[in-house]
Amino acid sequence: MKKTSIFATVTALAALVIYLLTSLTGFMAGKAMNIWPVVLTVAAIVLLFAADKMKKPSALKDIVIVLTGFALIGCISFFAMDRVKLAADVWFIPVNRPATEDVALYCSLAGVALYLISFVTVTVKAFSHKE
């Protein structure tokens, strides 16, 4: 695997771990978890591996890399939208909230940032093909 693919994979996996930890423990433990970030992260990683296995640049390789970017954007979207109510509670209703709510929000922001870093890495990879 190339360095950009490894970095994108590691950051996406780290973001997935944060998503799972904030969804299944602490303040959000009893709430339903959206499965789409998990599915899309796995799809993005599989697509990155597939793109690296293709020997020479081709239209199919470009399509696979674009699909990887779409999967990561989907992860960002679902992750962020699942945390909108949490952000509203922390930032706009500052009365009598548990400290775990703050922790869940700020960890979630770190996870979204990691997904964004992974997406930027995949975008750089898409524009840096060598013929």
C-alpha atoms as a PDB file:
ATOM      1  CA  MET A   1       0.000   0.000   0.000  1.00  0.00           C
ATOM      2  CA  LYS A   2       1.098   3.527  -0.652  1.00  0.00           C
ATOM      3  CA  LYS A   3       1.751   5.993   2.157  1.00  0.00           C
ATOM      4  CA  THR A   4      -1.291   8.128   1.350  1.00  0.00           C
ATOM      5  CA  SER A   5      -3.552   5.079   1.431  1.00  0.00           C
ATOM      6  CA  ILE A   6      -2.099   3.906   4.725  1.00  0.00           C
ATOM      7  CA  PHE A   7      -2.547   7.361   6.259  1.00  0.00           C
ATOM      8  CA  ALA A   8      -6.125   7.638   4.961  1.00  0.00           C
ATOM      9  CA  THR A   9      -6.922   4.160   6.288  1.00  0.00           C
ATOM     10  CA  VAL A  10      -5.431   4.838   9.720  1.00  0.00           C
ATOM     11  CA  THR A  11      -7.261   8.148  10.121  1.00  0.00           C
ATOM     12  CA  ALA A  12     -10.560   6.621   8.960  1.00  0.00           C
ATOM     13  CA  LEU A  13     -10.141   3.719  11.398  1.00  0.00           C
ATOM     14  CA  ALA A  14      -9.314   6.117  14.237  1.00  0.00           C
ATOM     15  CA  ALA A  15     -12.436   8.134  13.408  1.00  0.00           C
ATOM     16  CA  LEU A  16     -14.486   4.930  13.355  1.00  0.00           C
ATOM     17  CA  VAL A  17     -13.162   3.933  16.778  1.00  0.00           C
ATOM     18  CA  ILE A  18     -14.112   7.360  18.139  1.00  0.00           C
ATOM     19  CA  TYR A  19     -17.568   7.053  16.564  1.00  0.00           C
ATOM     20  CA  LEU A  20     -18.106   3.639  18.147  1.00  0.00           C
ATOM     21  CA  LEU A  21     -16.785   4.750  21.544  1.00  0.00           C
ATOM     22  CA  THR A  22     -18.934   7.874  21.668  1.00  0.00           C
ATOM     23  CA  SER A  23     -21.992   5.982  20.413  1.00  0.00           C
ATOM     24  CA  LEU A  24     -21.776   2.965  22.708  1.00  0.00           C
ATOM     25  CA  THR A  25     -20.368   4.403  25.944  1.00  0.00           C
ATOM     26  CA  GLY A  26     -20.795   7.400  28.197  1.00  0.00           C
ATOM     27  CA  PHE A  27     -23.534   9.924  27.571  1.00  0.00           C
ATOM     28  CA  MET A  28     -24.864   8.301  24.377  1.00  0.00           C
ATOM     29  CA  ALA A  29     -24.787   4.704  25.649  1.00  0.00           C
ATOM     30  CA  GLY A  30     -28.544   4.132  25.672  1.00  0.00           C
ATOM     31  CA  LYS A  31     -29.318   5.764  22.345  1.00  0.00           C
ATOM     32  CA  ALA A  32     -29.665   4.047  18.984  1.00  0.00           C
ATOM     33  CA  MET A  33     -26.492   4.026  16.914  1.00  0.00           C
ATOM     34  CA  ASN A  34     -26.507   4.834  13.200  1.00  0.00           C
ATOM     35  CA  ILE A  35     -24.801   1.963  11.371  1.00  0.00           C
ATOM     36  CA  TRP A  36     -24.014   3.933   8.185  1.00  0.00           C
ATOM     37  CA  PRO A  37     -20.692   5.435   9.347  1.00  0.00           C
ATOM     38  CA  VAL A  38     -19.465   1.914  10.121  1.00  0.00           C
ATOM     39  CA  VAL A  39     -20.579   0.534   6.749  1.00  0.00           C
ATOM     40  CA  LEU A  40     -19.196   3.485   4.797  1.00  0.00           C
ATOM     41  CA  THR A  41     -15.848   3.401   6.625  1.00  0.00           C
ATOM     42  CA  VAL A  42     -15.413  -0.287   5.831  1.00  0.00           C
ATOM     43  CA  ALA A  43     -16.413   0.410   2.211  1.00  0.00           C
ATOM     44  CA  ALA A  44     -13.908   3.276   1.971  1.00  0.00           C
ATOM     45  CA  ILE A  45     -11.085   1.096   3.297  1.00  0.00           C
ATOM     46  CA  VAL A  46     -11.946  -1.755   0.923  1.00  0.00           C
ATOM     47  CA  LEU A  47     -12.075   0.696  -1.989  1.00  0.00           C
ATOM     48  CA  LEU A  48      -8.674   2.120  -1.014  1.00  0.00           C
ATOM     49  CA  PHE A  49      -7.189  -1.380  -1.018  1.00  0.00           C
ATOM     50  CA  ALA A  50      -8.816  -2.066  -4.393  1.00  0.00           C
ATOM     51  CA  ALA A  51      -7.419   1.158  -5.869  1.00  0.00           C
ATOM     52  CA  ASP A  52      -3.927   0.267  -4.676  1.00  0.00           C
ATOM     53  CA  LYS A  53      -4.131  -3.214  -6.190  1.00  0.00           C
ATOM     54  CA  MET A  54      -4.825  -1.784  -9.648  1.00  0.00           C
ATOM     55  CA  LYS A  55      -1.502  -1.668 -11.461  1.00  0.00           C
ATOM     56  CA  LYS A  56      -1.735   1.248 -13.844  1.00  0.00           C
ATOM     57  CA  PRO A  57      -3.856   4.391 -13.819  1.00  0.00           C
ATOM     58  CA  SER A  58      -7.194   3.860 -15.517  1.00  0.00           C
ATOM     59  CA  ALA A  59     -10.722   5.206 -15.532  1.00  0.00           C
ATOM     60  CA  LEU A  60     -11.782   2.396 -13.193  1.00  0.00           C
ATOM     61  CA  LYS A  61      -9.103   3.350 -10.668  1.00  0.00           C
ATOM     62  CA  ASP A  62     -10.272   6.971 -10.799  1.00  0.00           C
ATOM     63  CA  ILE A  63     -13.873   5.885 -10.224  1.00  0.00           C
ATOM     64  CA  VAL A  64     -12.846   3.751  -7.242  1.00  0.00           C
ATOM     65  CA  ILE A  65     -10.972   6.674  -5.670  1.00  0.00           C
ATOM     66  CA  VAL A  66     -13.932   9.013  -6.224  1.00  0.00           C
ATOM     67  CA  LEU A  67     -16.247   6.435  -4.616  1.00  0.00           C
ATOM     68  CA  THR A  68     -13.858   6.285  -1.663  1.00  0.00           C
ATOM     69  CA  GLY A  69     -14.189  10.039  -1.274  1.00  0.00           C
ATOM     70  CA  PHE A  70     -17.981   9.799  -1.433  1.00  0.00           C
ATOM     71  CA  ALA A  71     -17.955   7.097   1.252  1.00  0.00           C
ATOM     72  CA  LEU A  72     -15.855   9.288   3.540  1.00  0.00           C
ATOM     73  CA  ILE A  73     -18.111  12.303   2.938  1.00  0.00           C
ATOM     74  CA  GLY A  74     -21.040  10.066   3.883  1.00  0.00           C
ATOM     75  CA  CYS A  75     -19.235   9.144   7.103  1.00  0.00           C
ATOM     76  CA  ILE A  76     -18.708  12.806   7.925  1.00  0.00           C
ATOM     77  CA  SER A  77     -22.337  13.630   7.176  1.00  0.00           C
ATOM     78  CA  PHE A  78     -23.885  10.835   9.222  1.00  0.00           C
ATOM     79  CA  PHE A  79     -21.479  11.316  12.126  1.00  0.00           C
ATOM     80  CA  ALA A  80     -22.065  15.081  12.274  1.00  0.00           C
ATOM     81  CA  MET A  81     -25.839  14.844  11.855  1.00  0.00           C
ATOM     82  CA  ASP A  82     -26.046  12.285  14.663  1.00  0.00           C
ATOM     83  CA  ARG A  83     -24.350  14.791  16.979  1.00  0.00           C
ATOM     84  CA  VAL A  84     -26.393  17.920  16.166  1.00  0.00           C
ATOM     85  CA  LYS A  85     -28.697  17.533  19.181  1.00  0.00           C
ATOM     86  CA  LEU A  86     -25.695  16.907  21.405  1.00  0.00           C
ATOM     87  CA  ALA A  87     -23.978  20.074  20.140  1.00  0.00           C
ATOM     88  CA  ALA A  88     -27.156  22.080  20.653  1.00  0.00           C
ATOM     89  CA  ASP A  89     -27.438  20.845  24.242  1.00  0.00           C
ATOM     90  CA  VAL A  90     -23.824  21.659  25.067  1.00  0.00           C
ATOM     91  CA  TRP A  91     -23.459  24.997  23.307  1.00  0.00           C
ATOM     92  CA  PHE A  92     -26.922  26.524  23.580  1.00  0.00           C
ATOM     93  CA  ILE A  93     -28.424  25.088  26.777  1.00  0.00           C
ATOM     94  CA  PRO A  94     -25.642  25.563  29.336  1.00  0.00           C
ATOM     95  CA  VAL A  95     -27.689  24.618  32.401  1.00  0.00           C
ATOM     96  CA  ASN A  96     -27.345  21.457  34.489  1.00  0.00           C
ATOM     97  CA  ARG A  97     -25.743  19.191  31.933  1.00  0.00           C
ATOM     98  CA  PRO A  98     -23.534  16.231  32.823  1.00  0.00           C
ATOM     99  CA  ALA A  99     -19.822  16.460  32.099  1.00  0.00           C
ATOM    100  CA  THR A 100     -20.063  13.315  29.978  1.00  0.00           C
ATOM    101  CA  GLU A 101     -22.105  15.304  27.471  1.00  0.00           C
ATOM    102  CA  ASP A 102     -19.161  17.665  26.909  1.00  0.00           C
ATOM    103  CA  VAL A 103     -16.762  14.752  26.562  1.00  0.00           C
ATOM    104  CA  ALA A 104     -19.009  13.030  24.012  1.00  0.00           C
ATOM    105  CA  LEU A 105     -19.283  16.193  21.934  1.00  0.00           C
ATOM    106  CA  TYR A 106     -15.600  17.061  21.877  1.00  0.00           C
ATOM    107  CA  CYS A 107     -14.573  13.475  21.145  1.00  0.00           C
ATOM    108  CA  SER A 108     -17.127  13.458  18.325  1.00  0.00           C
ATOM    109  CA  LEU A 109     -15.627  16.646  16.902  1.00  0.00           C
ATOM    110  CA  ALA A 110     -12.222  14.950  16.908  1.00  0.00           C
ATOM    111  CA  GLY A 111     -13.737  11.981  15.059  1.00  0.00           C
ATOM    112  CA  VAL A 112     -15.295  14.212  12.405  1.00  0.00           C
ATOM    113  CA  ALA A 113     -11.950  15.988  12.011  1.00  0.00           C
ATOM    114  CA  LEU A 114     -10.213  12.631  11.475  1.00  0.00           C
ATOM    115  CA  TYR A 115     -12.745  11.678   8.799  1.00  0.00           C
ATOM    116  CA  LEU A 116     -12.113  15.046   7.157  1.00  0.00           C
ATOM    117  CA  ILE A 117      -8.343  14.460   7.219  1.00  0.00           C
ATOM    118  CA  SER A 118      -8.889  11.045   5.643  1.00  0.00           C
ATOM    119  CA  PHE A 119     -11.053  12.610   2.926  1.00  0.00           C
ATOM    120  CA  VAL A 120      -8.437  15.281   2.174  1.00  0.00           C
ATOM    121  CA  THR A 121      -5.778  12.561   1.944  1.00  0.00           C
ATOM    122  CA  VAL A 122      -7.890  10.592  -0.548  1.00  0.00           C
ATOM    123  CA  THR A 123      -8.471  13.781  -2.550  1.00  0.00           C
ATOM    124  CA  VAL A 124      -4.728  14.447  -2.677  1.00  0.00           C
ATOM    125  CA  LYS A 125      -4.226  10.839  -3.768  1.00  0.00           C
ATOM    126  CA  ALA A 126      -6.758  11.312  -6.571  1.00  0.00           C
ATOM    127  CA  PHE A 127      -4.897  14.306  -7.972  1.00  0.00           C
ATOM    128  CA  SER A 128      -1.384  12.907  -7.614  1.00  0.00           C
ATOM    129  CA  HIS A 129      -1.470   9.894  -9.929  1.00  0.00           C
ATOM    130  CA  LYS A 130       1.762   9.293 -11.749  1.00  0.00           C
ATOM    131  CA  GLU A 131       1.545   8.132 -15.354  1.00  0.00           C
END
